Amino acid sequence: MRPPTRSDVRVAAATAAIVGTILCMINGSYRAGNVSGIGLNYLVPLLVSLVSRLVGA
């Protein structure tokens, strides 16, 4: 597996922003103010997107 480039991180962050926001709306975690739930809604898609770009490259 190669080290991530800025482009990889940028694409993964954009993907995480979109998917994380959708997950927050579906799960309703933004209403409860659950910081750890909101963080995981963005962290998991970021890691999945980044790892899949690095392994698939």
C-alpha atoms as a PDB file:
ATOM      1  CA  MET A   1       0.000   0.000   0.000  1.00  0.00           C
ATOM      2  CA  ARG A   2       1.382   3.387  -0.961  1.00  0.00           C
ATOM      3  CA  PRO A   3       1.318   6.499   1.249  1.00  0.00           C
ATOM      4  CA  PRO A   4      -1.636   8.848   0.670  1.00  0.00           C
ATOM      5  CA  THR A   5      -1.228  11.918  -1.502  1.00  0.00           C
ATOM      6  CA  ARG A   6      -2.986  15.255  -1.027  1.00  0.00           C
ATOM      7  CA  SER A   7      -5.370  14.304  -3.798  1.00  0.00           C
ATOM      8  CA  ASP A   8      -6.283  11.061  -2.000  1.00  0.00           C
ATOM      9  CA  VAL A   9      -6.983  12.920   1.230  1.00  0.00           C
ATOM     10  CA  ARG A  10      -8.975  15.625  -0.569  1.00  0.00           C
ATOM     11  CA  VAL A  11     -11.225  13.101  -2.327  1.00  0.00           C
ATOM     12  CA  ALA A  12     -11.667  11.067   0.858  1.00  0.00           C
ATOM     13  CA  ALA A  13     -12.572  14.207   2.837  1.00  0.00           C
ATOM     14  CA  ALA A  14     -15.144  15.256   0.230  1.00  0.00           C
ATOM     15  CA  THR A  15     -16.665  11.783   0.260  1.00  0.00           C
ATOM     16  CA  ALA A  16     -16.740  11.750   4.063  1.00  0.00           C
ATOM     17  CA  ALA A  17     -18.414  15.161   4.159  1.00  0.00           C
ATOM     18  CA  ILE A  18     -21.226  14.009   1.885  1.00  0.00           C
ATOM     19  CA  VAL A  19     -21.711  10.530   3.347  1.00  0.00           C
ATOM     20  CA  GLY A  20     -21.249  11.728   6.946  1.00  0.00           C
ATOM     21  CA  THR A  21     -23.889  14.415   6.555  1.00  0.00           C
ATOM     22  CA  ILE A  22     -26.344  11.910   5.102  1.00  0.00           C
ATOM     23  CA  LEU A  23     -25.633   9.504   7.978  1.00  0.00           C
ATOM     24  CA  CYS A  24     -26.178  12.286  10.529  1.00  0.00           C
ATOM     25  CA  MET A  25     -29.546  13.116   8.972  1.00  0.00           C
ATOM     26  CA  ILE A  26     -30.582   9.456   8.864  1.00  0.00           C
ATOM     27  CA  ASN A  27     -29.393   8.635  12.387  1.00  0.00           C
ATOM     28  CA  GLY A  28     -30.599  11.903  13.919  1.00  0.00           C
ATOM     29  CA  SER A  29     -27.351  12.219  15.884  1.00  0.00           C
ATOM     30  CA  TYR A  30     -27.156  15.938  15.148  1.00  0.00           C
ATOM     31  CA  ARG A  31     -30.287  16.506  17.268  1.00  0.00           C
ATOM     32  CA  ALA A  32     -28.962  14.705  20.310  1.00  0.00           C
ATOM     33  CA  GLY A  33     -25.678  16.618  20.250  1.00  0.00           C
ATOM     34  CA  ASN A  34     -23.821  13.319  20.497  1.00  0.00           C
ATOM     35  CA  VAL A  35     -20.312  14.425  19.582  1.00  0.00           C
ATOM     36  CA  SER A  36     -18.855  10.926  19.400  1.00  0.00           C
ATOM     37  CA  GLY A  37     -21.709   9.729  17.163  1.00  0.00           C
ATOM     38  CA  ILE A  38     -21.289  12.688  14.856  1.00  0.00           C
ATOM     39  CA  GLY A  39     -17.532  12.154  14.763  1.00  0.00           C
ATOM     40  CA  LEU A  40     -17.918   8.502  13.835  1.00  0.00           C
ATOM     41  CA  ASN A  41     -20.412   9.409  11.104  1.00  0.00           C
ATOM     42  CA  TYR A  42     -17.611  11.364   9.408  1.00  0.00           C
ATOM     43  CA  LEU A  43     -14.556   9.336  10.475  1.00  0.00           C
ATOM     44  CA  VAL A  44     -15.701   5.948   9.183  1.00  0.00           C
ATOM     45  CA  PRO A  45     -16.468   7.123   5.613  1.00  0.00           C
ATOM     46  CA  LEU A  46     -13.171   9.041   5.575  1.00  0.00           C
ATOM     47  CA  LEU A  47     -11.166   5.958   6.510  1.00  0.00           C
ATOM     48  CA  VAL A  48     -13.071   3.649   4.162  1.00  0.00           C
ATOM     49  CA  SER A  49     -12.678   6.036   1.237  1.00  0.00           C
ATOM     50  CA  LEU A  50      -8.994   6.643   1.916  1.00  0.00           C
ATOM     51  CA  VAL A  51      -8.078   2.982   2.386  1.00  0.00           C
ATOM     52  CA  SER A  52     -10.043   1.925  -0.684  1.00  0.00           C
ATOM     53  CA  ARG A  53      -8.203   4.527  -2.807  1.00  0.00           C
ATOM     54  CA  LEU A  54      -4.833   3.361  -1.492  1.00  0.00           C
ATOM     55  CA  VAL A  55      -5.471  -0.358  -1.864  1.00  0.00           C
ATOM     56  CA  GLY A  56      -7.161  -0.045  -5.252  1.00  0.00           C
ATOM     57  CA  ALA A  57      -4.415   2.091  -6.749  1.00  0.00           C
END
